[in-house]
Structure formats: structure tokens, C-alpha cells
Amino acid sequence: MGFSFKKTAILGVGLLGASFALAIRENGICSNIAGFGRRKENLEEAKERGIIDSFSLDPAQAVKGADLVVLSTPVGCFKEISSQIKKNLAGGSIQIDLGSVKGNLVYELEKILPRYVACHPIAGGERPGIADARGNLFKGMKCIIAKTPSTDEEAFKKISSLWERLGSRVELMDPMEHDRIFALVSHLPHLAAYALVNTVGDVDPELMKLAGAGLKDTTRIAASSPELWRDVSILNGDNLVSYLEMFIKNLEKIASALREKDGNALERLLSRAQKLRKTLEN
């Protein structure tokens, strides 16, 4: 069976937080789970569904007695919540997060939380609430751990083992490198999807009703939480601005081929993208 935690506090009971709670319960890692959130109705529903056992609207209360604390609110709240809970953290407790931004935020949180391990499970969905929460969300998925020289070694080993027990494949990555990579392969696609939907809206919002699979598939992630992606984008803004400029240049290449009615140039651009896209299927 391996190790277990006596009590886990989930700070932010949305899709990821609720799924993590179900996963550790189903895998025998913890059976006493407390939740924190801003909406009492959501927490009550989570308790009724057996996702959490208790809840508080005060994060400092939720973490009392917890030997595992999980930050799963929008990343823009991490520092404030960490400062609020610090005084009530149990001795020897481990703190992790489920956020998709690391970078400087990791080093800032390390100054506040005594045994913090920065985690980014590559899992989720566009519906941020608990409706789609499931205990196998992380199975077969990657989980990035952004380890630093300050990361507690014992806590790191325990959290790595935890993710493996949930069925995840753990990879280590420098926090700054993490943000450079995920700005390109995750954060930029979300902003591009939002921009594409807004482009349709600028022409005529009613045209969304005529959309087929192309627009629906390309913009699925634009249904994600604006609050979540606002925080991610601002915190990883420097990397995103650089990649957005590259993205605009690629759009300009397509526009130039269209203006010049240069079918060969356009086909070369599309073929290059097609070949690279197919590597995702291997």
C-alpha cells in the first residue's frame, strides 16, 4: 500500500483539486480530505459527492492538522493564500500546487512555505468545476515537478511517489525552463483560441451558431476559465509576448501568400505545419 497522509487540505475545489481528492482517496493515500473555496454551494456539493469530508471558507482553518496541502486555486491567488495558511501549517507537512505556471512563482512560494514541491500535472479540461472531476484524471498523464536546490529531498521523493501511484509519469524540469516550454505548447494555444473566437465575434457573434467541427475543435479550450487563464498569462507574460510575436509573423506569412495569390508558398506553409502536427499522433 505504501505511505499515506492523515489529512489533506485541497485549497480550490475545482476540476483539478476535486479530481486530486478523488484520486488520493481511491488509491488509499488519504481518506480525510478538507476543502477550501470561495463558494459555499460548490463546497457543499463536493461534500455531498464524497469528494471532500469537510470544508471551510477560510484557508487557514482548512489546513489545520493537514500533513498534505494542495494549492489548486487560480495561480494568481497562490502567494496570498500561502501567506494566510503559513501560521497554521502542521509541523512536517508538505505543500504542493497543481498550477501550470512555475518560473519565479516557485521561488516566491519557497520563501513562504516550508516544504513546498512545485507540481504541474498535464491534465484537465475546459470545464473548471467539479462536474467533470474523476479519480483517474491523472492516470497515464505526465506530471512535471519543478525541483530547485531548495526543494526538501524527503518531500520531493514522497510527492514523486504519490504521482506515480496516481498513474502519472513524473518528469523533472527547471522552473524557468518549464515556463518557456509551456508558454509555447499550452498557454499560447489558449490565447490563440480566445482570439479566434473574438475574431468571429467581431464579424458577427450570431455566426457562431453555424460553426462546424473545425471551429469547435480549434476553439474548444476557449471555453476554459477566463480567471484561470488571465492569471497564467500575466505570470508568464514575458514568454507569451515573445511567442505571440512569432505567431503573428506566421499569420502574416499566410496573409502575404494570400495577397500575392501564391498557392505554392501557401501550400509549403500548410505542409510544414501538417508534418509537424502529425508528430503529436506518434
C-alpha atoms as a PDB file:
ATOM      1  CA  MET A   1       0.000   0.000   0.000  1.00  0.00           C
ATOM      2  CA  GLY A   2       2.888   2.391   0.730  1.00  0.00           C
ATOM      3  CA  PHE A   3       2.708   5.665   2.642  1.00  0.00           C
ATOM      4  CA  SER A   4      -0.448   7.629   3.375  1.00  0.00           C
ATOM      5  CA  PHE A   5      -1.402  11.068   4.635  1.00  0.00           C
ATOM      6  CA  LYS A   6      -3.605  11.554   7.696  1.00  0.00           C
ATOM      7  CA  LYS A   7      -5.319  14.674   6.339  1.00  0.00           C
ATOM      8  CA  THR A   8      -5.178  16.534   3.045  1.00  0.00           C
ATOM      9  CA  ALA A   9      -6.373  20.111   2.520  1.00  0.00           C
ATOM     10  CA  ILE A  10      -7.483  20.968  -1.012  1.00  0.00           C
ATOM     11  CA  LEU A  11      -7.367  24.740  -1.435  1.00  0.00           C
ATOM     12  CA  GLY A  12      -9.540  25.276  -4.500  1.00  0.00           C
ATOM     13  CA  VAL A  13     -12.044  22.506  -5.147  1.00  0.00           C
ATOM     14  CA  GLY A  14     -12.430  22.805  -8.916  1.00  0.00           C
ATOM     15  CA  LEU A  15     -11.764  20.225 -11.623  1.00  0.00           C
ATOM     16  CA  LEU A  16      -8.112  19.588 -10.713  1.00  0.00           C
ATOM     17  CA  GLY A  17      -8.486  19.906  -6.948  1.00  0.00           C
ATOM     18  CA  ALA A  18     -11.575  17.690  -6.837  1.00  0.00           C
ATOM     19  CA  SER A  19     -10.009  15.113  -9.156  1.00  0.00           C
ATOM     20  CA  PHE A  20      -6.879  15.030  -6.985  1.00  0.00           C
ATOM     21  CA  ALA A  21      -9.047  14.489  -3.906  1.00  0.00           C
ATOM     22  CA  LEU A  22     -10.872  11.588  -5.577  1.00  0.00           C
ATOM     23  CA  ALA A  23      -7.594  10.134  -6.832  1.00  0.00           C
ATOM     24  CA  ILE A  24      -5.846  10.045  -3.462  1.00  0.00           C
ATOM     25  CA  ARG A  25      -8.975   8.649  -1.815  1.00  0.00           C
ATOM     26  CA  GLU A  26      -9.418   5.904  -4.422  1.00  0.00           C
ATOM     27  CA  ASN A  27      -5.731   4.977  -4.247  1.00  0.00           C
ATOM     28  CA  GLY A  28      -5.694   4.713  -0.462  1.00  0.00           C
ATOM     29  CA  ILE A  29      -3.373   7.669   0.018  1.00  0.00           C
ATOM     30  CA  CYS A  30      -5.726   9.740   2.208  1.00  0.00           C
ATOM     31  CA  SER A  31      -9.261   9.311   3.498  1.00  0.00           C
ATOM     32  CA  ASN A  32      -9.654  12.580   5.424  1.00  0.00           C
ATOM     33  CA  ILE A  33      -9.900  15.466   2.977  1.00  0.00           C
ATOM     34  CA  ALA A  34     -10.784  19.071   3.778  1.00  0.00           C
ATOM     35  CA  GLY A  35     -11.654  21.671   1.182  1.00  0.00           C
ATOM     36  CA  PHE A  36     -11.420  25.420   0.883  1.00  0.00           C
ATOM     37  CA  GLY A  37     -13.129  27.608  -1.694  1.00  0.00           C
ATOM     38  CA  ARG A  38     -14.936  30.873  -2.240  1.00  0.00           C
ATOM     39  CA  ARG A  39     -18.388  29.397  -2.929  1.00  0.00           C
ATOM     40  CA  LYS A  40     -20.126  27.538  -0.117  1.00  0.00           C
ATOM     41  CA  GLU A  41     -22.551  25.948  -2.596  1.00  0.00           C
ATOM     42  CA  ASN A  42     -19.693  24.319  -4.527  1.00  0.00           C
ATOM     43  CA  LEU A  43     -18.085  23.023  -1.338  1.00  0.00           C
ATOM     44  CA  GLU A  44     -21.386  21.612  -0.107  1.00  0.00           C
ATOM     45  CA  GLU A  45     -21.848  19.799  -3.413  1.00  0.00           C
ATOM     46  CA  ALA A  46     -18.297  18.442  -3.200  1.00  0.00           C
ATOM     47  CA  LYS A  47     -19.020  17.107   0.271  1.00  0.00           C
ATOM     48  CA  GLU A  48     -22.297  15.532  -0.843  1.00  0.00           C
ATOM     49  CA  ARG A  49     -20.459  13.771  -3.669  1.00  0.00           C
ATOM     50  CA  GLY A  50     -17.841  12.402  -1.279  1.00  0.00           C
ATOM     51  CA  ILE A  51     -15.023  14.444  -2.820  1.00  0.00           C
ATOM     52  CA  ILE A  52     -14.219  16.147   0.484  1.00  0.00           C
ATOM     53  CA  ASP A  53     -15.176  15.324   4.073  1.00  0.00           C
ATOM     54  CA  SER A  54     -15.256  18.855   5.469  1.00  0.00           C
ATOM     55  CA  PHE A  55     -14.759  22.407   4.292  1.00  0.00           C
ATOM     56  CA  SER A  56     -14.084  25.971   5.342  1.00  0.00           C
ATOM     57  CA  LEU A  57     -14.309  29.344   3.661  1.00  0.00           C
ATOM     58  CA  ASP A  58     -11.080  30.219   5.493  1.00  0.00           C
ATOM     59  CA  PRO A  59      -7.951  28.557   4.056  1.00  0.00           C
ATOM     60  CA  ALA A  60      -6.102  28.855   7.376  1.00  0.00           C
ATOM     61  CA  GLN A  61      -8.827  26.793   9.039  1.00  0.00           C
ATOM     62  CA  ALA A  62      -8.892  24.215   6.254  1.00  0.00           C
ATOM     63  CA  VAL A  63      -5.179  23.376   6.628  1.00  0.00           C
ATOM     64  CA  LYS A  64      -5.274  22.780  10.398  1.00  0.00           C
ATOM     65  CA  GLY A  65      -3.920  19.301  11.078  1.00  0.00           C
ATOM     66  CA  ALA A  66      -3.221  18.610   7.383  1.00  0.00           C
ATOM     67  CA  ASP A  67       0.042  16.870   6.527  1.00  0.00           C
ATOM     68  CA  LEU A  68      -0.570  17.477   2.804  1.00  0.00           C
ATOM     69  CA  VAL A  69      -1.714  20.874   1.492  1.00  0.00           C
ATOM     70  CA  VAL A  70      -2.661  21.312  -2.165  1.00  0.00           C
ATOM     71  CA  LEU A  71      -2.867  24.717  -3.860  1.00  0.00           C
ATOM     72  CA  SER A  72      -5.376  24.398  -6.711  1.00  0.00           C
ATOM     73  CA  THR A  73      -6.937  27.852  -6.952  1.00  0.00           C
ATOM     74  CA  PRO A  74      -6.088  30.127  -9.902  1.00  0.00           C
ATOM     75  CA  VAL A  75      -2.307  30.684  -9.709  1.00  0.00           C
ATOM     76  CA  GLY A  76      -2.713  34.407  -9.065  1.00  0.00           C
ATOM     77  CA  CYS A  77      -4.033  33.533  -5.587  1.00  0.00           C
ATOM     78  CA  PHE A  78      -1.156  31.245  -4.552  1.00  0.00           C
ATOM     79  CA  LYS A  79       1.020  33.791  -2.777  1.00  0.00           C
ATOM     80  CA  GLU A  80      -1.814  35.385  -0.809  1.00  0.00           C
ATOM     81  CA  ILE A  81      -3.253  32.029   0.269  1.00  0.00           C
ATOM     82  CA  SER A  82       0.193  30.712   1.188  1.00  0.00           C
ATOM     83  CA  SER A  83       0.751  33.713   3.457  1.00  0.00           C
ATOM     84  CA  GLN A  84      -2.665  33.155   5.063  1.00  0.00           C
ATOM     85  CA  ILE A  85      -2.094  29.474   5.842  1.00  0.00           C
ATOM     86  CA  LYS A  86       1.547  29.593   6.930  1.00  0.00           C
ATOM     87  CA  LYS A  87       0.783  30.079  10.603  1.00  0.00           C
ATOM     88  CA  ASN A  88      -1.490  27.025  10.730  1.00  0.00           C
ATOM     89  CA  LEU A  89       0.657  24.538   8.811  1.00  0.00           C
ATOM     90  CA  ALA A  90       1.288  21.340  10.740  1.00  0.00           C
ATOM     91  CA  GLY A  91       4.908  20.540  11.525  1.00  0.00           C
ATOM     92  CA  GLY A  92       6.387  18.355   8.812  1.00  0.00           C
ATOM     93  CA  SER A  93       3.513  18.936   6.416  1.00  0.00           C
ATOM     94  CA  ILE A  94       4.154  19.008   2.663  1.00  0.00           C
ATOM     95  CA  GLN A  95       2.725  21.658   0.353  1.00  0.00           C
ATOM     96  CA  ILE A  96       2.230  21.193  -3.386  1.00  0.00           C
ATOM     97  CA  ASP A  97       0.416  23.028  -6.160  1.00  0.00           C
ATOM     98  CA  LEU A  98      -1.367  21.975  -9.346  1.00  0.00           C
ATOM     99  CA  GLY A  99      -0.717  25.164 -11.320  1.00  0.00           C
ATOM    100  CA  SER A 100       0.518  25.448 -14.888  1.00  0.00           C
ATOM    101  CA  VAL A 101       2.909  28.345 -14.151  1.00  0.00           C
ATOM    102  CA  LYS A 102       6.168  27.849 -12.304  1.00  0.00           C
ATOM    103  CA  GLY A 103       9.067  30.254 -13.022  1.00  0.00           C
ATOM    104  CA  ASN A 104       9.622  32.946 -10.418  1.00  0.00           C
ATOM    105  CA  LEU A 105       6.436  31.910  -8.615  1.00  0.00           C
ATOM    106  CA  VAL A 106       8.157  28.747  -7.385  1.00  0.00           C
ATOM    107  CA  TYR A 107      10.975  30.719  -5.751  1.00  0.00           C
ATOM    108  CA  GLU A 108       8.497  33.142  -4.181  1.00  0.00           C
ATOM    109  CA  LEU A 109       6.409  30.329  -2.718  1.00  0.00           C
ATOM    110  CA  GLU A 110       9.523  28.610  -1.370  1.00  0.00           C
ATOM    111  CA  LYS A 111      10.113  31.687   0.794  1.00  0.00           C
ATOM    112  CA  ILE A 112       6.655  31.286   2.345  1.00  0.00           C
ATOM    113  CA  LEU A 113       6.007  27.523   2.504  1.00  0.00           C
ATOM    114  CA  PRO A 114       8.472  25.348   4.467  1.00  0.00           C
ATOM    115  CA  ARG A 115       8.221  22.078   2.449  1.00  0.00           C
ATOM    116  CA  TYR A 116       6.891  23.091  -0.946  1.00  0.00           C
ATOM    117  CA  VAL A 117       7.141  20.874  -4.026  1.00  0.00           C
ATOM    118  CA  ALA A 118       6.079  22.559  -7.285  1.00  0.00           C
ATOM    119  CA  CYS A 119       3.895  20.275  -9.413  1.00  0.00           C
ATOM    120  CA  HIS A 120       2.183  20.643 -12.788  1.00  0.00           C
ATOM    121  CA  PRO A 121       0.015  17.678 -13.752  1.00  0.00           C
ATOM    122  CA  ILE A 122      -0.570  17.804 -17.521  1.00  0.00           C
ATOM    123  CA  ALA A 123      -4.269  17.079 -17.218  1.00  0.00           C
ATOM    124  CA  GLY A 124      -7.542  18.937 -17.034  1.00  0.00           C
ATOM    125  CA  GLY A 125     -10.320  20.185 -19.256  1.00  0.00           C
ATOM    126  CA  GLU A 126     -12.157  23.277 -20.331  1.00  0.00           C
ATOM    127  CA  ARG A 127     -14.898  22.921 -17.695  1.00  0.00           C
ATOM    128  CA  PRO A 128     -13.350  24.219 -14.470  1.00  0.00           C
ATOM    129  CA  GLY A 129     -15.923  22.974 -11.926  1.00  0.00           C
ATOM    130  CA  ILE A 130     -16.370  19.648 -10.148  1.00  0.00           C
ATOM    131  CA  ALA A 131     -18.916  18.272 -12.642  1.00  0.00           C
ATOM    132  CA  ASP A 132     -16.185  16.507 -14.645  1.00  0.00           C
ATOM    133  CA  ALA A 133     -13.982  15.594 -11.678  1.00  0.00           C
ATOM    134  CA  ARG A 134     -12.793  11.983 -11.726  1.00  0.00           C
ATOM    135  CA  GLY A 135     -10.239   9.957  -9.850  1.00  0.00           C
ATOM    136  CA  ASN A 136      -8.444   8.683 -12.947  1.00  0.00           C
ATOM    137  CA  LEU A 137      -7.812  12.143 -14.440  1.00  0.00           C
ATOM    138  CA  PHE A 138      -4.062  11.872 -13.899  1.00  0.00           C
ATOM    139  CA  LYS A 139      -3.629   8.246 -14.970  1.00  0.00           C
ATOM    140  CA  GLY A 140      -1.284   7.923 -17.941  1.00  0.00           C
ATOM    141  CA  MET A 141      -0.549  11.647 -17.911  1.00  0.00           C
ATOM    142  CA  LYS A 142       2.720  13.468 -17.281  1.00  0.00           C
ATOM    143  CA  CYS A 143       3.332  15.427 -14.106  1.00  0.00           C
ATOM    144  CA  ILE A 144       6.134  17.988 -14.162  1.00  0.00           C
ATOM    145  CA  ILE A 145       7.918  18.600 -10.880  1.00  0.00           C
ATOM    146  CA  ALA A 146       9.859  21.872 -10.912  1.00  0.00           C
ATOM    147  CA  LYS A 147      12.578  20.974  -8.445  1.00  0.00           C
ATOM    148  CA  THR A 148      15.007  23.605  -7.167  1.00  0.00           C
ATOM    149  CA  PRO A 149      18.065  23.481  -4.886  1.00  0.00           C
ATOM    150  CA  SER A 150      15.742  24.462  -2.018  1.00  0.00           C
ATOM    151  CA  THR A 151      13.279  21.614  -2.542  1.00  0.00           C
ATOM    152  CA  ASP A 152      13.148  19.348   0.508  1.00  0.00           C
ATOM    153  CA  GLU A 153      14.517  15.979  -0.683  1.00  0.00           C
ATOM    154  CA  GLU A 154      12.277  13.824   1.502  1.00  0.00           C
ATOM    155  CA  ALA A 155       9.181  15.770   0.455  1.00  0.00           C
ATOM    156  CA  PHE A 156      10.222  15.541  -3.200  1.00  0.00           C
ATOM    157  CA  LYS A 157      10.610  11.754  -3.047  1.00  0.00           C
ATOM    158  CA  LYS A 158       7.257  11.333  -1.324  1.00  0.00           C
ATOM    159  CA  ILE A 159       5.408  13.545  -3.805  1.00  0.00           C
ATOM    160  CA  SER A 160       7.090  11.867  -6.778  1.00  0.00           C
ATOM    161  CA  SER A 161       5.918   8.525  -5.423  1.00  0.00           C
ATOM    162  CA  LEU A 162       2.427   9.934  -4.874  1.00  0.00           C
ATOM    163  CA  TRP A 163       2.070  10.951  -8.526  1.00  0.00           C
ATOM    164  CA  GLU A 164       3.345   7.568  -9.651  1.00  0.00           C
ATOM    165  CA  ARG A 165       0.709   5.877  -7.501  1.00  0.00           C
ATOM    166  CA  LEU A 166      -1.895   8.020  -9.254  1.00  0.00           C
ATOM    167  CA  GLY A 167      -0.622   6.640 -12.569  1.00  0.00           C
ATOM    168  CA  SER A 168       1.296   9.721 -13.685  1.00  0.00           C
ATOM    169  CA  ARG A 169       4.725   9.803 -15.333  1.00  0.00           C
ATOM    170  CA  VAL A 170       6.935  12.203 -13.377  1.00  0.00           C
ATOM    171  CA  GLU A 171       9.413  14.466 -15.192  1.00  0.00           C
ATOM    172  CA  LEU A 172      11.767  16.991 -13.599  1.00  0.00           C
ATOM    173  CA  MET A 173      12.173  20.456 -15.056  1.00  0.00           C
ATOM    174  CA  ASP A 174      13.766  23.746 -14.087  1.00  0.00           C
ATOM    175  CA  PRO A 175      11.031  26.267 -13.150  1.00  0.00           C
ATOM    176  CA  MET A 176      12.134  28.881 -15.695  1.00  0.00           C
ATOM    177  CA  GLU A 177      12.527  26.310 -18.476  1.00  0.00           C
ATOM    178  CA  HIS A 178       9.069  24.994 -17.607  1.00  0.00           C
ATOM    179  CA  ASP A 179       7.502  28.366 -18.296  1.00  0.00           C
ATOM    180  CA  ARG A 180       9.374  28.842 -21.562  1.00  0.00           C
ATOM    181  CA  ILE A 181       8.153  25.476 -22.816  1.00  0.00           C
ATOM    182  CA  PHE A 182       4.563  25.649 -21.639  1.00  0.00           C
ATOM    183  CA  ALA A 183       4.107  29.222 -22.812  1.00  0.00           C
ATOM    184  CA  LEU A 184       4.542  27.773 -26.291  1.00  0.00           C
ATOM    185  CA  VAL A 185       2.785  24.397 -26.132  1.00  0.00           C
ATOM    186  CA  SER A 186      -0.048  25.262 -23.732  1.00  0.00           C
ATOM    187  CA  HIS A 187      -0.522  28.928 -22.856  1.00  0.00           C
ATOM    188  CA  LEU A 188      -0.197  30.316 -26.408  1.00  0.00           C
ATOM    189  CA  PRO A 189      -2.778  27.861 -27.850  1.00  0.00           C
ATOM    190  CA  HIS A 190      -5.306  29.011 -25.259  1.00  0.00           C
ATOM    191  CA  LEU A 191      -4.801  32.691 -26.144  1.00  0.00           C
ATOM    192  CA  ALA A 192      -4.960  31.852 -29.856  1.00  0.00           C
ATOM    193  CA  ALA A 193      -8.274  30.052 -29.309  1.00  0.00           C
ATOM    194  CA  TYR A 194      -9.707  33.021 -27.414  1.00  0.00           C
ATOM    195  CA  ALA A 195      -8.532  35.376 -30.176  1.00  0.00           C
ATOM    196  CA  LEU A 196     -10.100  33.239 -32.895  1.00  0.00           C
ATOM    197  CA  VAL A 197     -13.471  33.234 -31.154  1.00  0.00           C
ATOM    198  CA  ASN A 198     -13.245  37.001 -30.664  1.00  0.00           C
ATOM    199  CA  THR A 199     -12.495  37.392 -34.388  1.00  0.00           C
ATOM    200  CA  VAL A 200     -15.740  35.625 -35.245  1.00  0.00           C
ATOM    201  CA  GLY A 201     -17.466  37.805 -32.682  1.00  0.00           C
ATOM    202  CA  ASP A 202     -16.043  40.957 -34.266  1.00  0.00           C
ATOM    203  CA  VAL A 203     -17.646  39.993 -37.589  1.00  0.00           C
ATOM    204  CA  ASP A 204     -20.959  38.702 -36.216  1.00  0.00           C
ATOM    205  CA  PRO A 205     -21.468  36.740 -32.964  1.00  0.00           C
ATOM    206  CA  GLU A 206     -24.515  35.052 -34.490  1.00  0.00           C
ATOM    207  CA  LEU A 207     -22.222  33.224 -36.919  1.00  0.00           C
ATOM    208  CA  MET A 208     -21.048  31.007 -34.043  1.00  0.00           C
ATOM    209  CA  LYS A 209     -24.321  29.109 -34.496  1.00  0.00           C
ATOM    210  CA  LEU A 210     -23.167  27.987 -37.942  1.00  0.00           C
ATOM    211  CA  ALA A 211     -19.802  26.674 -36.729  1.00  0.00           C
ATOM    212  CA  GLY A 212     -18.822  23.153 -37.678  1.00  0.00           C
ATOM    213  CA  ALA A 213     -16.212  20.773 -36.281  1.00  0.00           C
ATOM    214  CA  GLY A 214     -13.304  22.929 -37.483  1.00  0.00           C
ATOM    215  CA  LEU A 215     -14.123  25.908 -35.300  1.00  0.00           C
ATOM    216  CA  LYS A 216     -15.408  23.779 -32.435  1.00  0.00           C
ATOM    217  CA  ASP A 217     -12.283  21.620 -32.287  1.00  0.00           C
ATOM    218  CA  THR A 218      -9.883  24.532 -32.719  1.00  0.00           C
ATOM    219  CA  THR A 219     -11.533  26.660 -30.041  1.00  0.00           C
ATOM    220  CA  ARG A 220     -12.624  24.037 -27.504  1.00  0.00           C
ATOM    221  CA  ILE A 221     -10.163  25.395 -24.936  1.00  0.00           C
ATOM    222  CA  ALA A 222     -11.619  28.903 -25.281  1.00  0.00           C
ATOM    223  CA  ALA A 223     -14.421  27.594 -23.056  1.00  0.00           C
ATOM    224  CA  SER A 224     -11.883  27.455 -20.206  1.00  0.00           C
ATOM    225  CA  SER A 225     -11.998  29.739 -17.167  1.00  0.00           C
ATOM    226  CA  PRO A 226     -11.013  33.328 -18.087  1.00  0.00           C
ATOM    227  CA  GLU A 227      -9.885  33.905 -14.494  1.00  0.00           C
ATOM    228  CA  LEU A 228      -7.537  30.926 -14.612  1.00  0.00           C
ATOM    229  CA  TRP A 229      -6.003  31.891 -17.960  1.00  0.00           C
ATOM    230  CA  ARG A 230      -5.784  35.561 -17.006  1.00  0.00           C
ATOM    231  CA  ASP A 231      -3.510  34.610 -14.097  1.00  0.00           C
ATOM    232  CA  VAL A 232      -1.448  32.122 -16.102  1.00  0.00           C
ATOM    233  CA  SER A 233      -0.952  34.597 -18.942  1.00  0.00           C
ATOM    234  CA  ILE A 234       0.031  37.528 -16.731  1.00  0.00           C
ATOM    235  CA  LEU A 235       2.506  35.466 -14.707  1.00  0.00           C
ATOM    236  CA  ASN A 236       4.081  34.036 -17.862  1.00  0.00           C
ATOM    237  CA  GLY A 237       3.649  37.239 -19.843  1.00  0.00           C
ATOM    238  CA  ASP A 238       7.248  37.793 -20.968  1.00  0.00           C
ATOM    239  CA  ASN A 239       7.466  34.386 -22.619  1.00  0.00           C
ATOM    240  CA  LEU A 240       3.993  34.733 -24.089  1.00  0.00           C
ATOM    241  CA  VAL A 241       4.642  38.125 -25.670  1.00  0.00           C
ATOM    242  CA  SER A 242       7.691  36.709 -27.445  1.00  0.00           C
ATOM    243  CA  TYR A 243       5.765  33.724 -28.777  1.00  0.00           C
ATOM    244  CA  LEU A 244       2.748  35.836 -29.710  1.00  0.00           C
ATOM    245  CA  GLU A 245       5.039  37.955 -31.882  1.00  0.00           C
ATOM    246  CA  MET A 246       6.269  34.794 -33.607  1.00  0.00           C
ATOM    247  CA  PHE A 247       2.676  33.619 -34.048  1.00  0.00           C
ATOM    248  CA  ILE A 248       1.723  36.949 -35.636  1.00  0.00           C
ATOM    249  CA  LYS A 249       4.653  36.603 -38.043  1.00  0.00           C
ATOM    250  CA  ASN A 250       3.370  33.182 -39.104  1.00  0.00           C
ATOM    251  CA  LEU A 251      -0.100  34.617 -39.670  1.00  0.00           C
ATOM    252  CA  GLU A 252       1.494  37.388 -41.727  1.00  0.00           C
ATOM    253  CA  LYS A 253       3.240  34.795 -43.910  1.00  0.00           C
ATOM    254  CA  ILE A 254      -0.128  33.217 -44.675  1.00  0.00           C
ATOM    255  CA  ALA A 255      -1.705  36.606 -45.310  1.00  0.00           C
ATOM    256  CA  SER A 256       1.162  37.541 -47.653  1.00  0.00           C
ATOM    257  CA  ALA A 257       0.740  34.342 -49.674  1.00  0.00           C
ATOM    258  CA  LEU A 258      -2.973  35.084 -49.987  1.00  0.00           C
ATOM    259  CA  ARG A 259      -2.385  38.691 -51.025  1.00  0.00           C
ATOM    260  CA  GLU A 260       0.095  37.552 -53.671  1.00  0.00           C
ATOM    261  CA  LYS A 261      -2.183  34.665 -54.681  1.00  0.00           C
ATOM    262  CA  ASP A 262       0.900  32.464 -54.272  1.00  0.00           C
ATOM    263  CA  GLY A 263      -0.525  28.971 -53.977  1.00  0.00           C
ATOM    264  CA  ASN A 264       2.877  27.312 -53.845  1.00  0.00           C
ATOM    265  CA  ALA A 265       4.022  29.419 -50.920  1.00  0.00           C
ATOM    266  CA  LEU A 266       0.755  28.787 -49.089  1.00  0.00           C
ATOM    267  CA  GLU A 267       0.977  25.031 -49.662  1.00  0.00           C
ATOM    268  CA  ARG A 268       4.549  24.995 -48.310  1.00  0.00           C
ATOM    269  CA  LEU A 269       3.412  26.738 -45.141  1.00  0.00           C
ATOM    270  CA  LEU A 270       0.485  24.379 -44.668  1.00  0.00           C
ATOM    271  CA  SER A 271       2.539  21.270 -45.468  1.00  0.00           C
ATOM    272  CA  ARG A 272       5.198  22.215 -42.932  1.00  0.00           C
ATOM    273  CA  ALA A 273       2.513  22.553 -40.263  1.00  0.00           C
ATOM    274  CA  GLN A 274       0.808  19.305 -41.288  1.00  0.00           C
ATOM    275  CA  LYS A 275       4.016  17.292 -40.988  1.00  0.00           C
ATOM    276  CA  LEU A 276       4.797  18.727 -37.564  1.00  0.00           C
ATOM    277  CA  ARG A 277       1.241  18.214 -36.326  1.00  0.00           C
ATOM    278  CA  LYS A 278       1.381  14.534 -37.253  1.00  0.00           C
ATOM    279  CA  THR A 279       4.207  14.046 -34.752  1.00  0.00           C
ATOM    280  CA  LEU A 280       1.625  14.516 -31.983  1.00  0.00           C
ATOM    281  CA  GLU A 281      -0.062  11.298 -33.098  1.00  0.00           C
ATOM    282  CA  ASN A 282       3.039   9.133 -32.688  1.00  0.00           C
END
